[in-house]
C-alpha atoms as a PDB file:
ATOM      1  CA  UNK A   1      94.626  84.004 117.651  1.00  0.00           C
ATOM      2  CA  UNK A   2      91.934  86.560 116.637  1.00  0.00           C
ATOM      3  CA  UNK A   3      90.756  89.221 117.746  1.00  0.00           C
ATOM      4  CA  UNK A   4      87.624  88.846 119.167  1.00  0.00           C
ATOM      5  CA  UNK A   5      84.786  90.065 117.113  1.00  0.00           C
ATOM      6  CA  UNK A   6      83.703  92.509 119.844  1.00  0.00           C
ATOM      7  CA  UNK A   7      86.873  94.113 119.510  1.00  0.00           C
ATOM      8  CA  UNK A   8      87.377  94.003 116.003  1.00  0.00           C
ATOM      9  CA  UNK A   9      83.938  95.528 114.713  1.00  0.00           C
ATOM     10  CA  UNK A  10      84.313  99.310 116.316  1.00  0.00           C
ATOM     11  CA  UNK A  11      87.730  99.465 114.193  1.00  0.00           C
ATOM     12  CA  UNK A  12      85.826  98.538 111.342  1.00  0.00           C
ATOM     13  CA  UNK A  13      83.524 100.664 111.759  1.00  0.00           C
ATOM     14  CA  UNK A  14      85.063 103.567 113.012  1.00  0.00           C
ATOM     15  CA  UNK A  15      87.353 103.235 109.730  1.00  0.00           C
ATOM     16  CA  UNK A  16      84.851 102.696 107.281  1.00  0.00           C
ATOM     17  CA  UNK A  17      82.683 106.173 109.139  1.00  0.00           C
ATOM     18  CA  UNK A  18      86.153 107.955 108.117  1.00  0.00           C
ATOM     19  CA  UNK A  19      86.385 105.852 104.915  1.00  0.00           C
ATOM     20  CA  UNK A  20      82.585 107.378 103.096  1.00  0.00           C
ATOM     21  CA  UNK A  21      83.905 111.099 103.871  1.00  0.00           C
ATOM     22  CA  UNK A  22      86.969 110.367 102.671  1.00  0.00           C
ATOM     23  CA  UNK A  23      86.429 109.327  98.912  1.00  0.00           C
ATOM     24  CA  UNK A  24      87.947 110.981  96.134  1.00  0.00           C
ATOM     25  CA  UNK A  25      87.156 110.421  92.244  1.00  0.00           C
ATOM     26  CA  UNK A  26      89.567 109.214  90.139  1.00  0.00           C
ATOM     27  CA  UNK A  27      88.049 110.454  86.826  1.00  0.00           C
ATOM     28  CA  UNK A  28      87.018 114.574  88.055  1.00  0.00           C
ATOM     29  CA  UNK A  29      88.887 114.623  90.966  1.00  0.00           C
ATOM     30  CA  UNK A  30      92.548 115.326  89.470  1.00  0.00           C
ATOM     31  CA  UNK A  31      93.011 118.754  87.268  1.00  0.00           C
ATOM     32  CA  UNK A  32      93.874 116.750  84.018  1.00  0.00           C
ATOM     33  CA  UNK A  33      93.457 120.105  82.162  1.00  0.00           C
ATOM     34  CA  UNK A  34      96.325 121.489  83.375  1.00  0.00           C
ATOM     35  CA  UNK A  35      98.677 118.269  82.954  1.00  0.00           C
ATOM     36  CA  UNK A  36     102.298 118.875  81.950  1.00  0.00           C
ATOM     37  CA  UNK A  37     104.291 115.648  81.086  1.00  0.00           C
ATOM     38  CA  UNK A  38     107.433 117.883  80.242  1.00  0.00           C
ATOM     39  CA  UNK A  39     107.805 118.477  84.137  1.00  0.00           C
ATOM     40  CA  UNK A  40     108.652 115.192  84.582  1.00  0.00           C
ATOM     41  CA  UNK A  41     112.464 113.485  85.049  1.00  0.00           C
ATOM     42  CA  UNK A  42     112.689 110.490  83.335  1.00  0.00           C
ATOM     43  CA  UNK A  43     113.340 108.734  87.003  1.00  0.00           C
ATOM     44  CA  UNK A  44     109.678 110.568  88.122  1.00  0.00           C
ATOM     45  CA  UNK A  45     107.996 108.466  84.978  1.00  0.00           C
ATOM     46  CA  UNK A  46     110.353 105.490  85.781  1.00  0.00           C
ATOM     47  CA  UNK A  47     108.394 106.165  89.362  1.00  0.00           C
ATOM     48  CA  UNK A  48     104.783 106.115  88.769  1.00  0.00           C
ATOM     49  CA  UNK A  49     105.905 102.576  86.580  1.00  0.00           C
ATOM     50  CA  UNK A  50     107.325 101.188  89.394  1.00  0.00           C
ATOM     51  CA  UNK A  51     104.124 102.063  91.972  1.00  0.00           C
ATOM     52  CA  UNK A  52     101.748 101.251  89.749  1.00  0.00           C
ATOM     53  CA  UNK A  53     103.335  98.192  89.667  1.00  0.00           C
ATOM     54  CA  UNK A  54     103.091  97.402  92.704  1.00  0.00           C
ATOM     55  CA  UNK A  55      99.365  98.811  93.501  1.00  0.00           C
ATOM     56  CA  UNK A  56      97.875  96.984  90.359  1.00  0.00           C
ATOM     57  CA  UNK A  57      98.714  93.373  91.992  1.00  0.00           C
ATOM     58  CA  UNK A  58      95.623  93.439  94.442  1.00  0.00           C
ATOM     59  CA  UNK A  59      94.241  90.818  93.151  1.00  0.00           C
ATOM     60  CA  UNK A  60      97.206  89.053  94.533  1.00  0.00           C
ATOM     61  CA  UNK A  61      97.041  90.660  97.678  1.00  0.00           C
ATOM     62  CA  UNK A  62      92.830  90.070  97.943  1.00  0.00           C
ATOM     63  CA  UNK A  63      92.815  86.729  96.998  1.00  0.00           C
ATOM     64  CA  UNK A  64      95.860  86.452 100.133  1.00  0.00           C
ATOM     65  CA  UNK A  65      93.622  87.613 103.077  1.00  0.00           C
ATOM     66  CA  UNK A  66      90.837  86.231 101.318  1.00  0.00           C
ATOM     67  CA  UNK A  67      92.920  82.887 101.372  1.00  0.00           C
ATOM     68  CA  UNK A  68      93.997  83.651 104.942  1.00  0.00           C
ATOM     69  CA  UNK A  69      90.353  85.328 106.128  1.00  0.00           C
ATOM     70  CA  UNK A  70      88.142  82.509 104.799  1.00  0.00           C
ATOM     71  CA  UNK A  71      84.024  82.312 105.389  1.00  0.00           C
ATOM     72  CA  UNK A  72      82.744  79.475 103.791  1.00  0.00           C
ATOM     73  CA  UNK A  73      86.032  77.470 105.030  1.00  0.00           C
ATOM     74  CA  UNK A  74      86.270  78.948 108.522  1.00  0.00           C
ATOM     75  CA  UNK A  75      86.941  76.173 111.262  1.00  0.00           C
ATOM     76  CA  UNK A  76      84.226  77.720 113.508  1.00  0.00           C
ATOM     77  CA  UNK A  77      81.069  80.246 113.399  1.00  0.00           C
ATOM     78  CA  UNK A  78      82.704  82.705 115.929  1.00  0.00           C
ATOM     79  CA  UNK A  79      85.848  82.286 113.194  1.00  0.00           C
ATOM     80  CA  UNK A  80      83.298  83.264 110.259  1.00  0.00           C
ATOM     81  CA  UNK A  81      81.822  86.102 112.072  1.00  0.00           C
ATOM     82  CA  UNK A  82      85.216  87.383 112.551  1.00  0.00           C
ATOM     83  CA  UNK A  83      86.168  87.219 108.690  1.00  0.00           C
ATOM     84  CA  UNK A  84      82.747  88.864 107.658  1.00  0.00           C
ATOM     85  CA  UNK A  85      83.241  91.748 109.923  1.00  0.00           C
ATOM     86  CA  UNK A  86      87.171  92.323 108.892  1.00  0.00           C
ATOM     87  CA  UNK A  87      85.827  91.310 105.108  1.00  0.00           C
ATOM     88  CA  UNK A  88      83.857  94.717 105.620  1.00  0.00           C
ATOM     89  CA  UNK A  89      87.356  96.455 105.939  1.00  0.00           C
ATOM     90  CA  UNK A  90      88.668  94.299 102.854  1.00  0.00           C
ATOM     91  CA  UNK A  91      86.482  95.066 100.583  1.00  0.00           C
ATOM     92  CA  UNK A  92      86.411  99.260 101.060  1.00  0.00           C
ATOM     93  CA  UNK A  93      90.738  98.735 101.503  1.00  0.00           C
ATOM     94  CA  UNK A  94      90.674  96.539  97.949  1.00  0.00           C
ATOM     95  CA  UNK A  95      88.430  99.404  96.336  1.00  0.00           C
ATOM     96  CA  UNK A  96      90.702 102.141  97.358  1.00  0.00           C
ATOM     97  CA  UNK A  97      94.036 100.299  96.577  1.00  0.00           C
ATOM     98  CA  UNK A  98      92.091  99.301  93.122  1.00  0.00           C
ATOM     99  CA  UNK A  99      91.548 103.005  92.242  1.00  0.00           C
ATOM    100  CA  UNK A 100      95.411 103.996  92.918  1.00  0.00           C
ATOM    101  CA  UNK A 101      96.496 101.113  90.253  1.00  0.00           C
ATOM    102  CA  UNK A 102      93.645 102.490  88.042  1.00  0.00           C
ATOM    103  CA  UNK A 103      94.720 105.945  88.165  1.00  0.00           C
ATOM    104  CA  UNK A 104      98.341 106.027  88.196  1.00  0.00           C
ATOM    105  CA  UNK A 105      97.666 103.297  84.762  1.00  0.00           C
ATOM    106  CA  UNK A 106      95.481 106.404  82.822  1.00  0.00           C
ATOM    107  CA  UNK A 107      97.940 109.088  84.484  1.00  0.00           C
ATOM    108  CA  UNK A 108     100.718 106.701  82.523  1.00  0.00           C
ATOM    109  CA  UNK A 109      98.521 106.788  79.355  1.00  0.00           C
ATOM    110  CA  UNK A 110      97.389 110.804  79.694  1.00  0.00           C
ATOM    111  CA  UNK A 111     101.202 111.723  79.982  1.00  0.00           C
ATOM    112  CA  UNK A 112     102.842 109.615  77.207  1.00  0.00           C
ATOM    113  CA  UNK A 113     104.817 107.141  79.815  1.00  0.00           C
ATOM    114  CA  UNK A 114     103.208 104.923  78.290  1.00  0.00           C
ATOM    115  CA  UNK A 115     100.917 105.429  75.374  1.00  0.00           C
ATOM    116  CA  UNK A 116      99.502 102.211  73.876  1.00  0.00           C
ATOM    117  CA  UNK A 117      97.034 101.062  76.253  1.00  0.00           C
ATOM    118  CA  UNK A 118      97.301  97.590  74.623  1.00  0.00           C
ATOM    119  CA  UNK A 119     101.188  97.198  75.874  1.00  0.00           C
ATOM    120  CA  UNK A 120     100.467  99.026  79.108  1.00  0.00           C
ATOM    121  CA  UNK A 121      97.707  96.765  80.045  1.00  0.00           C
ATOM    122  CA  UNK A 122     100.166  93.084  78.877  1.00  0.00           C
ATOM    123  CA  UNK A 123     102.751  94.685  81.386  1.00  0.00           C
ATOM    124  CA  UNK A 124     100.601  94.943  83.899  1.00  0.00           C
ATOM    125  CA  UNK A 125      99.105  91.614  83.506  1.00  0.00           C
ATOM    126  CA  UNK A 126     102.655  90.027  83.165  1.00  0.00           C
ATOM    127  CA  UNK A 127     103.566  91.187  86.905  1.00  0.00           C
ATOM    128  CA  UNK A 128      99.950  90.679  87.982  1.00  0.00           C
ATOM    129  CA  UNK A 129      99.818  87.270  87.136  1.00  0.00           C
ATOM    130  CA  UNK A 130     102.506  86.382  89.222  1.00  0.00           C
ATOM    131  CA  UNK A 131     101.993  84.985  92.876  1.00  0.00           C
ATOM    132  CA  UNK A 132     101.975  86.492  95.515  1.00  0.00           C
ATOM    133  CA  UNK A 133     102.573  85.821  99.248  1.00  0.00           C
ATOM    134  CA  UNK A 134     102.981  87.898 102.318  1.00  0.00           C
ATOM    135  CA  UNK A 135     104.628  84.724 104.152  1.00  0.00           C
ATOM    136  CA  UNK A 136     102.957  85.016 107.416  1.00  0.00           C
ATOM    137  CA  UNK A 137      99.569  83.387 108.429  1.00  0.00           C
ATOM    138  CA  UNK A 138      99.299  84.427 112.080  1.00  0.00           C
ATOM    139  CA  UNK A 139      95.960  87.573 111.924  1.00  0.00           C
ATOM    140  CA  UNK A 140      98.559  89.671 113.978  1.00  0.00           C
ATOM    141  CA  UNK A 141     101.957  89.364 111.393  1.00  0.00           C
ATOM    142  CA  UNK A 142      99.900  89.405 108.580  1.00  0.00           C
ATOM    143  CA  UNK A 143      98.822  92.960 109.876  1.00  0.00           C
ATOM    144  CA  UNK A 144     101.862  94.030 110.890  1.00  0.00           C
ATOM    145  CA  UNK A 145     103.423  93.137 107.782  1.00  0.00           C
ATOM    146  CA  UNK A 146     100.588  95.564 106.059  1.00  0.00           C
ATOM    147  CA  UNK A 147     100.873  98.160 108.516  1.00  0.00           C
ATOM    148  CA  UNK A 148     104.407  98.502 107.393  1.00  0.00           C
ATOM    149  CA  UNK A 149     103.513  98.599 103.508  1.00  0.00           C
ATOM    150  CA  UNK A 150     101.046 101.122 104.053  1.00  0.00           C
ATOM    151  CA  UNK A 151     103.230 103.257 105.576  1.00  0.00           C
ATOM    152  CA  UNK A 152     106.254 102.824 103.237  1.00  0.00           C
ATOM    153  CA  UNK A 153     103.843 103.531 100.717  1.00  0.00           C
ATOM    154  CA  UNK A 154     102.550 106.749 102.080  1.00  0.00           C
ATOM    155  CA  UNK A 155     106.133 107.979 102.878  1.00  0.00           C
ATOM    156  CA  UNK A 156     107.316 107.531  99.848  1.00  0.00           C
ATOM    157  CA  UNK A 157     104.384 109.071  97.921  1.00  0.00           C
ATOM    158  CA  UNK A 158     104.934 112.175 100.332  1.00  0.00           C
ATOM    159  CA  UNK A 159     108.386 112.219  99.590  1.00  0.00           C
ATOM    160  CA  UNK A 160     108.507 111.992  95.875  1.00  0.00           C
ATOM    161  CA  UNK A 161     105.425 114.284  95.752  1.00  0.00           C
ATOM    162  CA  UNK A 162     107.912 117.379  97.529  1.00  0.00           C
ATOM    163  CA  UNK A 163     109.865 116.721  94.306  1.00  0.00           C
ATOM    164  CA  UNK A 164     107.368 116.496  91.652  1.00  0.00           C
ATOM    165  CA  UNK A 165     106.551 120.003  89.966  1.00  0.00           C
ATOM    166  CA  UNK A 166     104.084 118.489  87.443  1.00  0.00           C
ATOM    167  CA  UNK A 167     100.982 119.448  88.769  1.00  0.00           C
ATOM    168  CA  UNK A 168      98.862 116.399  88.333  1.00  0.00           C
ATOM    169  CA  UNK A 169     100.835 113.831  89.382  1.00  0.00           C
ATOM    170  CA  UNK A 170     101.512 115.835  92.027  1.00  0.00           C
ATOM    171  CA  UNK A 171      97.852 116.059  93.425  1.00  0.00           C
ATOM    172  CA  UNK A 172      97.780 112.284  92.700  1.00  0.00           C
ATOM    173  CA  UNK A 173     100.636 111.575  95.547  1.00  0.00           C
ATOM    174  CA  UNK A 174      98.557 113.782  97.732  1.00  0.00           C
ATOM    175  CA  UNK A 175      95.894 111.574  96.953  1.00  0.00           C
ATOM    176  CA  UNK A 176      97.305 108.524  97.542  1.00  0.00           C
ATOM    177  CA  UNK A 177      99.277 109.283 100.804  1.00  0.00           C
ATOM    178  CA  UNK A 178      96.413 110.491 101.792  1.00  0.00           C
ATOM    179  CA  UNK A 179      94.772 106.984 101.700  1.00  0.00           C
ATOM    180  CA  UNK A 180      97.604 104.813 102.843  1.00  0.00           C
ATOM    181  CA  UNK A 181      97.541 107.098 105.725  1.00  0.00           C
ATOM    182  CA  UNK A 182      94.064 105.773 106.934  1.00  0.00           C
ATOM    183  CA  UNK A 183      95.082 102.522 105.938  1.00  0.00           C
ATOM    184  CA  UNK A 184      98.269 102.686 108.114  1.00  0.00           C
ATOM    185  CA  UNK A 185      96.186 104.370 111.000  1.00  0.00           C
ATOM    186  CA  UNK A 186      93.753 101.348 110.815  1.00  0.00           C
ATOM    187  CA  UNK A 187      96.561  98.479 110.966  1.00  0.00           C
ATOM    188  CA  UNK A 188      97.940 100.376 113.929  1.00  0.00           C
ATOM    189  CA  UNK A 189      94.509 100.079 116.009  1.00  0.00           C
ATOM    190  CA  UNK A 190      94.753  96.440 115.557  1.00  0.00           C
ATOM    191  CA  UNK A 191      97.970  96.195 116.335  1.00  0.00           C
ATOM    192  CA  UNK A 192      97.468  97.828 119.914  1.00  0.00           C
ATOM    193  CA  UNK A 193      93.946  95.554 120.398  1.00  0.00           C
ATOM    194  CA  UNK A 194      96.934  91.936 119.949  1.00  0.00           C
ATOM    195  CA  UNK A 195      98.883  93.584 122.184  1.00  0.00           C
ATOM    196  CA  UNK A 196      96.044  94.917 124.730  1.00  0.00           C
ATOM    197  CA  UNK A 197      94.095  92.231 124.984  1.00  0.00           C
ATOM    198  CA  UNK A 198      96.974  89.604 124.780  1.00  0.00           C
ATOM    199  CA  UNK A 199      96.958  87.320 128.594  1.00  0.00           C
ATOM    200  CA  UNK A 200     101.000  87.284 128.326  1.00  0.00           C
ATOM    201  CA  UNK A 201     101.419  89.750 125.033  1.00  0.00           C
ATOM    202  CA  UNK A 202     105.761  89.195 125.695  1.00  0.00           C
ATOM    203  CA  UNK A 203     105.168  85.812 125.122  1.00  0.00           C
ATOM    204  CA  UNK A 204     101.872  85.470 122.582  1.00  0.00           C
ATOM    205  CA  UNK A 205     102.339  88.956 120.225  1.00  0.00           C
ATOM    206  CA  UNK A 206     105.539  91.090 120.608  1.00  0.00           C
ATOM    207  CA  UNK A 207     107.766  88.288 119.227  1.00  0.00           C
ATOM    208  CA  UNK A 208     105.902  87.691 116.173  1.00  0.00           C
ATOM    209  CA  UNK A 209     105.454  91.776 115.607  1.00  0.00           C
ATOM    210  CA  UNK A 210     109.184  91.872 115.976  1.00  0.00           C
ATOM    211  CA  UNK A 211     110.058  88.902 113.405  1.00  0.00           C
ATOM    212  CA  UNK A 212     107.724  90.899 110.936  1.00  0.00           C
ATOM    213  CA  UNK A 213     109.850  93.931 111.532  1.00  0.00           C
ATOM    214  CA  UNK A 214     113.428  92.322 110.899  1.00  0.00           C
ATOM    215  CA  UNK A 215     112.058  89.984 108.024  1.00  0.00           C
ATOM    216  CA  UNK A 216     110.027  92.765 106.251  1.00  0.00           C
ATOM    217  CA  UNK A 217     110.466  93.448 102.526  1.00  0.00           C
ATOM    218  CA  UNK A 218     108.300  95.327 100.186  1.00  0.00           C
ATOM    219  CA  UNK A 219     105.791  93.365  98.064  1.00  0.00           C
ATOM    220  CA  UNK A 220     106.933  91.775  94.571  1.00  0.00           C
ATOM    221  CA  UNK A 221     110.975  92.732  95.753  1.00  0.00           C
ATOM    222  CA  UNK A 222     111.047  88.644  95.055  1.00  0.00           C
ATOM    223  CA  UNK A 223     109.108  88.430  91.783  1.00  0.00           C
ATOM    224  CA  UNK A 224     108.751  91.737  89.748  1.00  0.00           C
ATOM    225  CA  UNK A 225     110.991  91.920  86.768  1.00  0.00           C
ATOM    226  CA  UNK A 226     114.312  93.422  87.648  1.00  0.00           C
ATOM    227  CA  UNK A 227     113.065  94.546  90.762  1.00  0.00           C
ATOM    228  CA  UNK A 228     116.457  95.769  92.553  1.00  0.00           C
ATOM    229  CA  UNK A 229     117.473  98.139  89.811  1.00  0.00           C
ATOM    230  CA  UNK A 230     113.670  99.566  89.640  1.00  0.00           C
ATOM    231  CA  UNK A 231     113.856 100.169  93.040  1.00  0.00           C
ATOM    232  CA  UNK A 232     116.647 101.798  93.245  1.00  0.00           C
ATOM    233  CA  UNK A 233     116.167 104.110  91.133  1.00  0.00           C
ATOM    234  CA  UNK A 234     112.519 104.697  91.962  1.00  0.00           C
ATOM    235  CA  UNK A 235     114.442 105.706  95.876  1.00  0.00           C
ATOM    236  CA  UNK A 236     116.710 108.249  94.146  1.00  0.00           C
ATOM    237  CA  UNK A 237     113.910 110.302  93.449  1.00  0.00           C
ATOM    238  CA  UNK A 238     112.550 110.705  96.893  1.00  0.00           C
ATOM    239  CA  UNK A 239     116.023 110.716  98.258  1.00  0.00           C
ATOM    240  CA  UNK A 240     114.962 112.640 101.768  1.00  0.00           C
ATOM    241  CA  UNK A 241     112.931 108.958 102.061  1.00  0.00           C
ATOM    242  CA  UNK A 242     114.109 106.104 104.664  1.00  0.00           C
ATOM    243  CA  UNK A 243     113.674 102.994 103.764  1.00  0.00           C
ATOM    244  CA  UNK A 244     113.839 102.536 107.208  1.00  0.00           C
ATOM    245  CA  UNK A 245     111.646 104.805 108.067  1.00  0.00           C
ATOM    246  CA  UNK A 246     108.659 102.784 108.607  1.00  0.00           C
ATOM    247  CA  UNK A 247     110.236 100.462 111.392  1.00  0.00           C
ATOM    248  CA  UNK A 248     110.634 103.343 113.208  1.00  0.00           C
ATOM    249  CA  UNK A 249     107.512 104.657 113.018  1.00  0.00           C
ATOM    250  CA  UNK A 250     106.453 101.516 114.420  1.00  0.00           C
ATOM    251  CA  UNK A 251     108.768 101.518 117.055  1.00  0.00           C
ATOM    252  CA  UNK A 252     107.802 104.907 117.709  1.00  0.00           C
ATOM    253  CA  UNK A 253     103.972 103.742 117.744  1.00  0.00           C
ATOM    254  CA  UNK A 254     104.411 101.027 120.086  1.00  0.00           C
ATOM    255  CA  UNK A 255     107.021 103.089 122.751  1.00  0.00           C
ATOM    256  CA  UNK A 256     103.258 105.040 122.631  1.00  0.00           C
ATOM    257  CA  UNK A 257     101.178 102.130 123.292  1.00  0.00           C
ATOM    258  CA  UNK A 258     103.686 101.355 126.820  1.00  0.00           C
ATOM    259  CA  UNK A 259     103.173 104.766 127.792  1.00  0.00           C
ATOM    260  CA  UNK A 260      99.290 104.310 128.091  1.00  0.00           C
ATOM    261  CA  UNK A 261      99.223 101.051 128.946  1.00  0.00           C
ATOM    262  CA  UNK A 262     101.377  99.758 132.457  1.00  0.00           C
ATOM    263  CA  UNK A 263     101.413  96.260 132.153  1.00  0.00           C
ATOM    264  CA  UNK A 264     102.912  96.367 128.654  1.00  0.00           C
ATOM    265  CA  UNK A 265     105.470  98.880 129.700  1.00  0.00           C
ATOM    266  CA  UNK A 266     108.758  96.930 130.629  1.00  0.00           C
ATOM    267  CA  UNK A 267     107.845  94.354 127.542  1.00  0.00           C
ATOM    268  CA  UNK A 268     107.228  96.741 125.188  1.00  0.00           C
ATOM    269  CA  UNK A 269     110.872  99.096 126.236  1.00  0.00           C
ATOM    270  CA  UNK A 270     112.980  95.881 126.149  1.00  0.00           C
ATOM    271  CA  UNK A 271     111.481  94.931 122.354  1.00  0.00           C
ATOM    272  CA  UNK A 272     111.806  97.948 121.103  1.00  0.00           C
ATOM    273  CA  UNK A 273     115.468  98.973 122.701  1.00  0.00           C
ATOM    274  CA  UNK A 274     116.582  96.140 121.102  1.00  0.00           C
ATOM    275  CA  UNK A 275     114.665  97.155 117.576  1.00  0.00           C
ATOM    276  CA  UNK A 276     116.453 100.213 117.938  1.00  0.00           C
ATOM    277  CA  UNK A 277     119.963  99.242 117.995  1.00  0.00           C
ATOM    278  CA  UNK A 278     119.366  96.318 115.461  1.00  0.00           C
ATOM    279  CA  UNK A 279     117.878  98.499 112.515  1.00  0.00           C
ATOM    280  CA  UNK A 280     119.940 101.582 113.776  1.00  0.00           C
ATOM    281  CA  UNK A 281     116.856 103.701 113.853  1.00  0.00           C
ATOM    282  CA  UNK A 282     116.333 106.820 116.067  1.00  0.00           C
END
């Protein structure tokens, strides 16, 4: 089930309107002359490596979206028009995520986390060549998954940034978290549009959102070499980051939606009450 293009278009246009004014330069926008690698802990170095892998898998994420929302192979003209409009978001989102990937690898090289460009390039491409699947094909589920991914990275970057004293990394994490917050906001608007415009959201949309929330895992959890150990070490560097926080934020967002739309109040609150109990979120 797709949104009507007339509903999708203003959401995409709003995102790009803000995005055009929210740009930052990966080459000149950071105080590279103030770089002080001695201020990095070993754990922070490992966290930079970990998030570099996640951000750098963009070709896989991009390919998944192009497969799920084709233009040439769309079943109908209406679907092709919808997917072309969505592509206006996808290309900006991809540009911004690729910028994150490149600047994180630049940081690794400049800080000496990995001083060899050749070694770093080969390590990155080894993970990049592994296949990626969101695990869902329904648009509302694809967007719910990505919403949680964007919120998780935003909150992790913020939590890590509060512990970092190295000035370049601190500023970089601030840039990254702001980008991820805008991406999250876009997907929030999409989800609200799906729920608001569905004829019977309790049957058509809410169960699909709920399914993603319960099964969500971060990208590359099943492909990255030694993922579990790396994820544990990464989490230790941001002890105030709660891995259930993205689901809690989404739960609160849905409850606000219920307050705004009277007909959605009962089904949403019924669902979120169950979610709060099952996920132990406040």
